[in-house]
Amino acid sequence: MINPLEVPMYLEEALPEIGHDLLLNKKNNAYDIMNTLISFTFKHIKQRDFKIVKRCFKIVDKLYNKGNKVVKSAIENVFVYSFTKMFLS
């Protein structure tokens, strides 16, 4: 099981491009990390860099499948919710 403290390391290993964004985010809880990931994903959607967007979705899928309850909750309440909200706007 991946716990919230392991999420930033997992993201940096799987998606090195997000390293700078993670450095700017001084908080280390799962919800803040998911906010950083969703912002990163939205930025690349706007840039039409769908290769990175696809990688983001794959990483979130792996985190959801391997994460503990806190990680899963952060993905559901931040990542999934943000996409739902985006499509409703």
C-alpha atoms as a PDB file:
ATOM      1  CA  MET A   1       0.000   0.000   0.000  1.00  0.00           C
ATOM      2  CA  ILE A   2       1.212   3.465  -0.877  1.00  0.00           C
ATOM      3  CA  ASN A   3       0.733   5.922   1.967  1.00  0.00           C
ATOM      4  CA  PRO A   4       0.429   9.735   1.638  1.00  0.00           C
ATOM      5  CA  LEU A   5       4.101  10.301   2.481  1.00  0.00           C
ATOM      6  CA  GLU A   6       5.159   8.100  -0.435  1.00  0.00           C
ATOM      7  CA  VAL A   7       2.964   9.839  -3.028  1.00  0.00           C
ATOM      8  CA  PRO A   8       5.365  12.720  -3.842  1.00  0.00           C
ATOM      9  CA  MET A   9       8.273  10.289  -4.320  1.00  0.00           C
ATOM     10  CA  TYR A  10       6.107   8.047  -6.472  1.00  0.00           C
ATOM     11  CA  LEU A  11       5.026  11.008  -8.611  1.00  0.00           C
ATOM     12  CA  GLU A  12       8.573  12.290  -9.085  1.00  0.00           C
ATOM     13  CA  GLU A  13       9.768   8.854 -10.120  1.00  0.00           C
ATOM     14  CA  ALA A  14       6.890   8.208 -12.532  1.00  0.00           C
ATOM     15  CA  LEU A  15       6.551  11.793 -13.796  1.00  0.00           C
ATOM     16  CA  PRO A  16       9.839  13.721 -13.454  1.00  0.00           C
ATOM     17  CA  GLU A  17       8.284  16.771 -15.137  1.00  0.00           C
ATOM     18  CA  ILE A  18       6.207  17.468 -12.021  1.00  0.00           C
ATOM     19  CA  GLY A  19       9.261  17.839  -9.768  1.00  0.00           C
ATOM     20  CA  HIS A  20       9.304  21.650  -9.939  1.00  0.00           C
ATOM     21  CA  ASP A  21       5.592  21.886  -9.133  1.00  0.00           C
ATOM     22  CA  LEU A  22       6.045  19.575  -6.143  1.00  0.00           C
ATOM     23  CA  LEU A  23       8.907  21.719  -4.861  1.00  0.00           C
ATOM     24  CA  LEU A  24       6.648  24.769  -4.941  1.00  0.00           C
ATOM     25  CA  ASN A  25       4.047  22.906  -2.888  1.00  0.00           C
ATOM     26  CA  LYS A  26       5.556  22.875   0.596  1.00  0.00           C
ATOM     27  CA  LYS A  27       2.708  20.811   2.051  1.00  0.00           C
ATOM     28  CA  ASN A  28       3.050  17.078   2.008  1.00  0.00           C
ATOM     29  CA  ASN A  29      -0.460  15.762   2.614  1.00  0.00           C
ATOM     30  CA  ALA A  30      -2.243  13.681  -0.001  1.00  0.00           C
ATOM     31  CA  TYR A  31      -4.876  16.330  -0.742  1.00  0.00           C
ATOM     32  CA  ASP A  32      -2.344  19.062  -1.478  1.00  0.00           C
ATOM     33  CA  ILE A  33      -0.303  16.694  -3.627  1.00  0.00           C
ATOM     34  CA  MET A  34      -3.438  15.800  -5.614  1.00  0.00           C
ATOM     35  CA  ASN A  35      -4.139  19.527  -6.068  1.00  0.00           C
ATOM     36  CA  THR A  36      -0.630  19.905  -7.477  1.00  0.00           C
ATOM     37  CA  LEU A  37      -1.189  16.935  -9.794  1.00  0.00           C
ATOM     38  CA  ILE A  38      -4.548  18.227 -11.014  1.00  0.00           C
ATOM     39  CA  SER A  39      -3.064  21.667 -11.718  1.00  0.00           C
ATOM     40  CA  PHE A  40      -0.194  20.028 -13.594  1.00  0.00           C
ATOM     41  CA  THR A  41      -2.652  17.905 -15.594  1.00  0.00           C
ATOM     42  CA  PHE A  42      -4.892  20.889 -16.440  1.00  0.00           C
ATOM     43  CA  LYS A  43      -1.845  22.892 -17.545  1.00  0.00           C
ATOM     44  CA  HIS A  44      -0.899  20.145 -20.001  1.00  0.00           C
ATOM     45  CA  ILE A  45      -4.470  19.770 -21.221  1.00  0.00           C
ATOM     46  CA  LYS A  46      -4.463  23.475 -22.091  1.00  0.00           C
ATOM     47  CA  GLN A  47      -1.110  23.027 -23.849  1.00  0.00           C
ATOM     48  CA  ARG A  48      -2.560  20.024 -25.689  1.00  0.00           C
ATOM     49  CA  ASP A  49       0.289  17.850 -24.459  1.00  0.00           C
ATOM     50  CA  PHE A  50      -1.840  14.733 -24.306  1.00  0.00           C
ATOM     51  CA  LYS A  51       1.132  12.407 -23.946  1.00  0.00           C
ATOM     52  CA  ILE A  52       1.790  13.806 -20.464  1.00  0.00           C
ATOM     53  CA  VAL A  53      -1.943  13.948 -19.681  1.00  0.00           C
ATOM     54  CA  LYS A  54      -2.226  10.253 -20.494  1.00  0.00           C
ATOM     55  CA  ARG A  55       0.715   9.525 -18.191  1.00  0.00           C
ATOM     56  CA  CYS A  56      -0.984  11.519 -15.414  1.00  0.00           C
ATOM     57  CA  PHE A  57      -4.123   9.402 -15.733  1.00  0.00           C
ATOM     58  CA  LYS A  58      -2.108   6.181 -15.673  1.00  0.00           C
ATOM     59  CA  ILE A  59      -0.258   7.342 -12.570  1.00  0.00           C
ATOM     60  CA  VAL A  60      -3.502   8.254 -10.811  1.00  0.00           C
ATOM     61  CA  ASP A  61      -4.903   4.834 -11.715  1.00  0.00           C
ATOM     62  CA  LYS A  62      -1.872   3.103 -10.217  1.00  0.00           C
ATOM     63  CA  LEU A  63      -1.974   5.299  -7.122  1.00  0.00           C
ATOM     64  CA  TYR A  64      -5.657   4.545  -6.667  1.00  0.00           C
ATOM     65  CA  ASN A  65      -5.126   0.799  -7.006  1.00  0.00           C
ATOM     66  CA  LYS A  66      -2.059   0.692  -4.754  1.00  0.00           C
ATOM     67  CA  GLY A  67      -2.872   3.513  -2.338  1.00  0.00           C
ATOM     68  CA  ASN A  68      -4.249   3.290   1.151  1.00  0.00           C
ATOM     69  CA  LYS A  69      -7.612   4.778   2.165  1.00  0.00           C
ATOM     70  CA  VAL A  70      -6.243   8.312   2.552  1.00  0.00           C
ATOM     71  CA  VAL A  71      -4.643   8.271  -0.911  1.00  0.00           C
ATOM     72  CA  LYS A  72      -7.811   6.868  -2.477  1.00  0.00           C
ATOM     73  CA  SER A  73      -9.923   9.477  -0.723  1.00  0.00           C
ATOM     74  CA  ALA A  74      -7.643  12.289  -1.922  1.00  0.00           C
ATOM     75  CA  ILE A  75      -7.883  11.024  -5.510  1.00  0.00           C
ATOM     76  CA  GLU A  76     -11.669  10.783  -5.326  1.00  0.00           C
ATOM     77  CA  ASN A  77     -12.211  14.116  -3.575  1.00  0.00           C
ATOM     78  CA  VAL A  78      -9.648  16.206  -5.442  1.00  0.00           C
ATOM     79  CA  PHE A  79      -8.635  14.651  -8.750  1.00  0.00           C
ATOM     80  CA  VAL A  80     -11.936  13.097  -9.849  1.00  0.00           C
ATOM     81  CA  TYR A  81     -14.031  15.925  -8.405  1.00  0.00           C
ATOM     82  CA  SER A  82     -11.958  18.557 -10.235  1.00  0.00           C
ATOM     83  CA  PHE A  83     -12.502  16.869 -13.585  1.00  0.00           C
ATOM     84  CA  THR A  84     -16.216  16.532 -12.953  1.00  0.00           C
ATOM     85  CA  LYS A  85     -16.365  20.218 -12.020  1.00  0.00           C
ATOM     86  CA  MET A  86     -14.381  21.183 -15.135  1.00  0.00           C
ATOM     87  CA  PHE A  87     -16.866  19.473 -17.447  1.00  0.00           C
ATOM     88  CA  LEU A  88     -19.817  21.114 -15.732  1.00  0.00           C
ATOM     89  CA  SER A  89     -18.369  24.608 -16.276  1.00  0.00           C
END
